[in-house]
C-alpha atoms as a PDB file:
ATOM      1  CA  MET A   1      -6.971  47.810  64.692  1.00  0.00           C
ATOM      2  CA  TRP A   2      -6.877  45.110  67.319  1.00  0.00           C
ATOM      3  CA  ILE A   3      -4.181  42.350  67.160  1.00  0.00           C
ATOM      4  CA  ASN A   4      -3.864  39.309  69.385  1.00  0.00           C
ATOM      5  CA  LYS A   5      -1.145  39.636  72.080  1.00  0.00           C
ATOM      6  CA  GLU A   6       0.769  36.573  70.853  1.00  0.00           C
ATOM      7  CA  THR A   7       0.668  37.766  67.236  1.00  0.00           C
ATOM      8  CA  LYS A   8       1.803  41.234  68.338  1.00  0.00           C
ATOM      9  CA  ALA A   9       4.698  39.672  70.313  1.00  0.00           C
ATOM     10  CA  ALA A  10       5.740  37.589  67.309  1.00  0.00           C
ATOM     11  CA  LEU A  11       5.577  40.674  65.108  1.00  0.00           C
ATOM     12  CA  ALA A  12       7.736  42.618  67.560  1.00  0.00           C
ATOM     13  CA  ARG A  13      10.351  39.831  67.644  1.00  0.00           C
ATOM     14  CA  GLN A  14      10.457  39.717  63.840  1.00  0.00           C
ATOM     15  CA  ALA A  15      10.827  43.523  63.655  1.00  0.00           C
ATOM     16  CA  LYS A  16      13.689  43.392  66.156  1.00  0.00           C
ATOM     17  CA  LEU A  17      15.431  40.586  64.180  1.00  0.00           C
ATOM     18  CA  GLU A  18      15.114  42.354  60.837  1.00  0.00           C
ATOM     19  CA  GLN A  19      15.708  45.755  62.400  1.00  0.00           C
ATOM     20  CA  ARG A  20      12.623  47.201  60.772  1.00  0.00           C
ATOM     21  CA  SER A  21       9.460  48.763  62.034  1.00  0.00           C
ATOM     22  CA  MET A  22       6.420  46.682  62.832  1.00  0.00           C
ATOM     23  CA  ALA A  23       4.390  48.780  60.369  1.00  0.00           C
ATOM     24  CA  ALA A  24       6.814  47.940  57.537  1.00  0.00           C
ATOM     25  CA  ILE A  25       6.543  44.213  58.284  1.00  0.00           C
ATOM     26  CA  VAL A  26       2.733  44.412  58.490  1.00  0.00           C
ATOM     27  CA  GLU A  27       2.645  46.356  55.217  1.00  0.00           C
ATOM     28  CA  GLU A  28       4.872  43.767  53.558  1.00  0.00           C
ATOM     29  CA  LEU A  29       2.688  40.921  54.829  1.00  0.00           C
ATOM     30  CA  ILE A  30      -0.459  42.651  53.583  1.00  0.00           C
ATOM     31  CA  GLN A  31       1.151  43.239  50.153  1.00  0.00           C
ATOM     32  CA  HIS A  32       2.271  39.624  50.022  1.00  0.00           C
ATOM     33  CA  SER A  33      -1.220  38.408  50.958  1.00  0.00           C
ATOM     34  CA  THR A  34      -2.871  40.729  48.426  1.00  0.00           C
ATOM     35  CA  SER A  35      -0.474  39.605  45.672  1.00  0.00           C
ATOM     36  CA  HIS A  36      -1.145  35.986  46.528  1.00  0.00           C
ATOM     37  CA  GLU A  37      -4.926  36.513  46.367  1.00  0.00           C
ATOM     38  CA  GLN A  38      -4.636  38.353  43.054  1.00  0.00           C
ATOM     39  CA  ALA A  39      -2.469  35.551  41.633  1.00  0.00           C
ATOM     40  CA  GLU A  40      -5.046  32.977  42.683  1.00  0.00           C
ATOM     41  CA  LEU A  41      -7.800  35.061  41.064  1.00  0.00           C
ATOM     42  CA  VAL A  42      -5.840  35.392  37.808  1.00  0.00           C
ATOM     43  CA  GLU A  43      -5.048  31.679  37.920  1.00  0.00           C
ATOM     44  CA  ARG A  44      -8.721  30.740  38.400  1.00  0.00           C
ATOM     45  CA  GLN A  45      -9.802  33.047  35.588  1.00  0.00           C
ATOM     46  CA  SER A  46      -7.053  32.050  33.149  1.00  0.00           C
ATOM     47  CA  PHE A  47      -7.177  28.269  33.673  1.00  0.00           C
ATOM     48  CA  PRO A  48     -10.267  27.804  31.491  1.00  0.00           C
ATOM     49  CA  LEU A  49      -8.695  29.927  28.744  1.00  0.00           C
ATOM     50  CA  ILE A  50      -5.372  28.107  28.949  1.00  0.00           C
ATOM     51  CA  ARG A  51      -7.181  24.764  28.957  1.00  0.00           C
ATOM     52  CA  GLU A  52      -9.201  25.767  25.895  1.00  0.00           C
ATOM     53  CA  VAL A  53      -6.067  26.858  24.029  1.00  0.00           C
ATOM     54  CA  VAL A  54      -4.246  23.631  24.912  1.00  0.00           C
ATOM     55  CA  VAL A  55      -7.219  21.469  23.916  1.00  0.00           C
ATOM     56  CA  THR A  56      -7.606  23.349  20.628  1.00  0.00           C
ATOM     57  CA  GLU A  57      -3.927  22.984  19.791  1.00  0.00           C
ATOM     58  CA  MET A  58      -3.987  19.280  20.691  1.00  0.00           C
ATOM     59  CA  ARG A  59      -7.007  18.729  18.438  1.00  0.00           C
ATOM     60  CA  LYS A  60      -5.288  20.546  15.587  1.00  0.00           C
ATOM     61  CA  ALA A  61      -2.135  18.474  16.067  1.00  0.00           C
ATOM     62  CA  LEU A  62      -4.106  15.223  16.191  1.00  0.00           C
ATOM     63  CA  ALA A  63      -6.098  16.159  13.082  1.00  0.00           C
ATOM     64  CA  GLN A  64      -2.881  16.951  11.212  1.00  0.00           C
ATOM     65  CA  HIS A  65      -1.332  13.709  12.439  1.00  0.00           C
ATOM     66  CA  ARG A  66      -4.369  11.726  11.254  1.00  0.00           C
ATOM     67  CA  LEU A  67      -4.208  13.472   7.880  1.00  0.00           C
ATOM     68  CA  ASP A  68      -0.495  12.721   7.526  1.00  0.00           C
ATOM     69  CA  LEU A  69      -1.022   9.129   8.605  1.00  0.00           C
ATOM     70  CA  GLY A  70      -3.868   8.737   6.109  1.00  0.00           C
ATOM     71  CA  GLU A  71      -1.687  10.074   3.296  1.00  0.00           C
ATOM     72  CA  ASP A  72       1.168   7.775   4.307  1.00  0.00           C
ATOM     73  CA  MET A  73      -1.150   4.781   4.464  1.00  0.00           C
ATOM     74  CA  GLN A  74      -2.621   5.683   1.087  1.00  0.00           C
ATOM     75  CA  LEU A  75       0.866   5.797  -0.447  1.00  0.00           C
ATOM     76  CA  VAL A  76       1.838   2.473   1.131  1.00  0.00           C
ATOM     77  CA  ILE A  77      -1.377   0.790   0.009  1.00  0.00           C
ATOM     78  CA  LEU A  78      -1.098   2.294  -3.478  1.00  0.00           C
ATOM     79  CA  GLU A  79       2.464   1.012  -3.834  1.00  0.00           C
ATOM     80  CA  ALA A  80       1.394  -2.448  -2.640  1.00  0.00           C
ATOM     81  CA  VAL A  81      -1.488  -2.517  -5.131  1.00  0.00           C
ATOM     82  CA  LYS A  82       0.807  -1.381  -7.961  1.00  0.00           C
ATOM     83  CA  LEU A  83       3.313  -4.109  -7.097  1.00  0.00           C
ATOM     84  CA  CYS A  84       0.564  -6.725  -6.942  1.00  0.00           C
ATOM     85  CA  LEU A  85      -0.859  -5.584 -10.294  1.00  0.00           C
ATOM     86  CA  ARG A  86       2.583  -5.578 -11.896  1.00  0.00           C
ATOM     87  CA  GLN A  87       3.285  -9.104 -10.644  1.00  0.00           C
ATOM     88  CA  SER A  88      -0.146 -10.303 -11.763  1.00  0.00           C
ATOM     89  CA  VAL A  89       0.311  -8.837 -15.252  1.00  0.00           C
ATOM     90  CA  GLU A  90       3.745 -10.437 -15.551  1.00  0.00           C
ATOM     91  CA  GLN A  91       2.374 -13.800 -14.444  1.00  0.00           C
ATOM     92  CA  LEU A  92      -0.585 -13.490 -16.801  1.00  0.00           C
ATOM     93  CA  THR A  93       1.781 -12.595 -19.664  1.00  0.00           C
ATOM     94  CA  ARG A  94       3.863 -15.695 -18.955  1.00  0.00           C
ATOM     95  CA  LEU A  95       0.747 -17.892 -18.792  1.00  0.00           C
ATOM     96  CA  ILE A  96      -0.635 -16.489 -22.057  1.00  0.00           C
ATOM     97  CA  GLY A  97       2.718 -17.010 -23.762  1.00  0.00           C
ATOM     98  CA  ARG A  98       2.833 -20.577 -22.508  1.00  0.00           C
ATOM     99  CA  ALA A  99      -0.757 -21.186 -23.655  1.00  0.00           C
ATOM    100  CA  VAL A 100       0.081 -19.873 -27.124  1.00  0.00           C
ATOM    101  CA  GLN A 101       3.115 -22.165 -27.299  1.00  0.00           C
ATOM    102  CA  VAL A 102       1.073 -25.175 -26.234  1.00  0.00           C
ATOM    103  CA  GLY A 103      -1.657 -24.228 -28.719  1.00  0.00           C
ATOM    104  CA  MET A 104       0.860 -24.037 -31.567  1.00  0.00           C
ATOM    105  CA  VAL A 105       2.332 -27.402 -30.601  1.00  0.00           C
ATOM    106  CA  ASN A 106      -1.172 -28.911 -30.494  1.00  0.00           C
ATOM    107  CA  ARG A 107      -2.013 -27.376 -33.865  1.00  0.00           C
ATOM    108  CA  ARG A 108       1.135 -28.786 -35.450  1.00  0.00           C
ATOM    109  CA  LEU A 109       0.560 -32.206 -33.907  1.00  0.00           C
ATOM    110  CA  THR A 110      -3.067 -32.183 -35.072  1.00  0.00           C
ATOM    111  CA  ARG A 111      -2.025 -31.212 -38.575  1.00  0.00           C
ATOM    112  CA  ALA A 112       0.629 -33.922 -38.641  1.00  0.00           C
ATOM    113  CA  LEU A 113      -1.883 -36.485 -37.388  1.00  0.00           C
ATOM    114  CA  MET A 114      -4.491 -35.409 -39.946  1.00  0.00           C
ATOM    115  CA  SER A 115      -1.861 -35.459 -42.670  1.00  0.00           C
ATOM    116  CA  TYR A 116      -0.939 -38.992 -41.713  1.00  0.00           C
ATOM    117  CA  ALA A 117      -4.519 -40.181 -41.431  1.00  0.00           C
ATOM    118  CA  TYR A 118      -6.254 -38.272 -44.275  1.00  0.00           C
ATOM    119  CA  GLY A 119      -3.510 -36.823 -46.409  1.00  0.00           C
ATOM    120  CA  GLU A 120      -1.736 -33.480 -46.664  1.00  0.00           C
ATOM    121  CA  GLU A 121      -4.456 -31.831 -48.734  1.00  0.00           C
ATOM    122  CA  ILE A 122      -7.246 -32.456 -46.224  1.00  0.00           C
ATOM    123  CA  ALA A 123      -4.927 -31.491 -43.347  1.00  0.00           C
ATOM    124  CA  ALA A 124      -4.069 -28.225 -45.138  1.00  0.00           C
ATOM    125  CA  GLN A 125      -7.766 -27.477 -45.749  1.00  0.00           C
ATOM    126  CA  ALA A 126      -8.624 -28.152 -42.105  1.00  0.00           C
ATOM    127  CA  ASP A 127      -5.709 -25.991 -40.980  1.00  0.00           C
ATOM    128  CA  GLU A 128      -6.770 -23.122 -43.278  1.00  0.00           C
ATOM    129  CA  ASP A 129     -10.360 -23.422 -42.014  1.00  0.00           C
ATOM    130  CA  ALA A 130      -9.135 -23.285 -38.398  1.00  0.00           C
ATOM    131  CA  ALA A 131      -6.848 -20.351 -39.217  1.00  0.00           C
ATOM    132  CA  GLY A 132      -9.759 -18.498 -40.808  1.00  0.00           C
ATOM    133  CA  LYS A 133     -11.884 -18.993 -37.709  1.00  0.00           C
ATOM    134  CA  THR A 134      -9.150 -17.927 -35.293  1.00  0.00           C
ATOM    135  CA  GLY A 135      -7.507 -15.302 -37.503  1.00  0.00           C
ATOM    136  CA  ASN A 136      -4.147 -16.933 -36.884  1.00  0.00           C
ATOM    137  CA  PRO A 137      -2.518 -18.586 -39.902  1.00  0.00           C
ATOM    138  CA  MET A 138      -0.018 -21.361 -39.340  1.00  0.00           C
ATOM    139  CA  PRO A 139       3.505 -19.992 -39.488  1.00  0.00           C
ATOM    140  CA  VAL A 140       5.344 -20.633 -42.735  1.00  0.00           C
ATOM    141  CA  ARG A 141       7.697 -23.534 -42.353  1.00  0.00           C
ATOM    142  CA  SER A 142      11.184 -23.808 -43.662  1.00  0.00           C
ATOM    143  CA  PRO A 143      11.643 -25.823 -46.915  1.00  0.00           C
ATOM    144  CA  ILE A 144      13.816 -28.367 -45.111  1.00  0.00           C
ATOM    145  CA  LYS A 145      11.095 -29.160 -42.593  1.00  0.00           C
ATOM    146  CA  GLN A 146       8.527 -29.306 -45.406  1.00  0.00           C
ATOM    147  CA  GLU A 147      10.678 -31.821 -47.310  1.00  0.00           C
ATOM    148  CA  LEU A 148      11.124 -33.947 -44.174  1.00  0.00           C
ATOM    149  CA  ARG A 149       7.364 -33.963 -43.638  1.00  0.00           C
ATOM    150  CA  GLN A 150       6.753 -35.102 -47.186  1.00  0.00           C
ATOM    151  CA  ARG A 151       9.293 -37.904 -46.844  1.00  0.00           C
ATOM    152  CA  ILE A 152       7.707 -39.008 -43.572  1.00  0.00           C
ATOM    153  CA  ALA A 153       4.262 -38.868 -45.132  1.00  0.00           C
ATOM    154  CA  CYS A 154       5.439 -40.931 -48.144  1.00  0.00           C
ATOM    155  CA  SER A 155       7.177 -43.528 -46.007  1.00  0.00           C
ATOM    156  CA  THR A 156       4.167 -43.902 -43.736  1.00  0.00           C
ATOM    157  CA  LYS A 157       1.849 -44.294 -46.753  1.00  0.00           C
ATOM    158  CA  GLU A 158       4.129 -46.984 -48.149  1.00  0.00           C
ATOM    159  CA  GLU A 159       4.143 -48.769 -44.795  1.00  0.00           C
ATOM    160  CA  LYS A 160       0.382 -48.464 -44.616  1.00  0.00           C
ATOM    161  CA  GLY A 161      -0.017 -49.910 -48.115  1.00  0.00           C
ATOM    162  CA  ALA A 162       2.362 -52.764 -47.309  1.00  0.00           C
ATOM    163  CA  THR A 163       0.444 -53.723 -44.183  1.00  0.00           C
ATOM    164  CA  GLU A 164      -2.863 -53.648 -46.102  1.00  0.00           C
ATOM    165  CA  GLN A 165      -1.530 -56.024 -48.818  1.00  0.00           C
ATOM    166  CA  LYS A 166      -0.569 -58.683 -46.273  1.00  0.00           C
END
């Protein structure tokens, strides 16, 4: 095997420094070069496999993350919808209760007005007719309130008769 003079001189100096034979140094260099080439070959062949494994694992992790995020979002949205529904039902309940109260007040005022204008009997008939149509009878009143109503009705009739005589 032919070697350049300068390379052979450098090899001889290195052998003298390390106190080894030139053949041992050449053998070591050849082994090192061969190992390096084999490592590059393995690296080139394994890179696509390693890349594929990494990409696959990343896709799996991202898919799991998206699934977890979707479940978390679903829970958050579901809780928000439940809260909104609960608040809406409570508000609707309050509004219905208020409407019933106002309706009862209007019914009582209408009955009192009809009683004053047309008499208690006609007012009672109209109230019973309305209760039959709505399925909601007028609540029974206490005897004290009933007596007060009769007194008011009598006094207003007397006042009405007195104003008609003048």
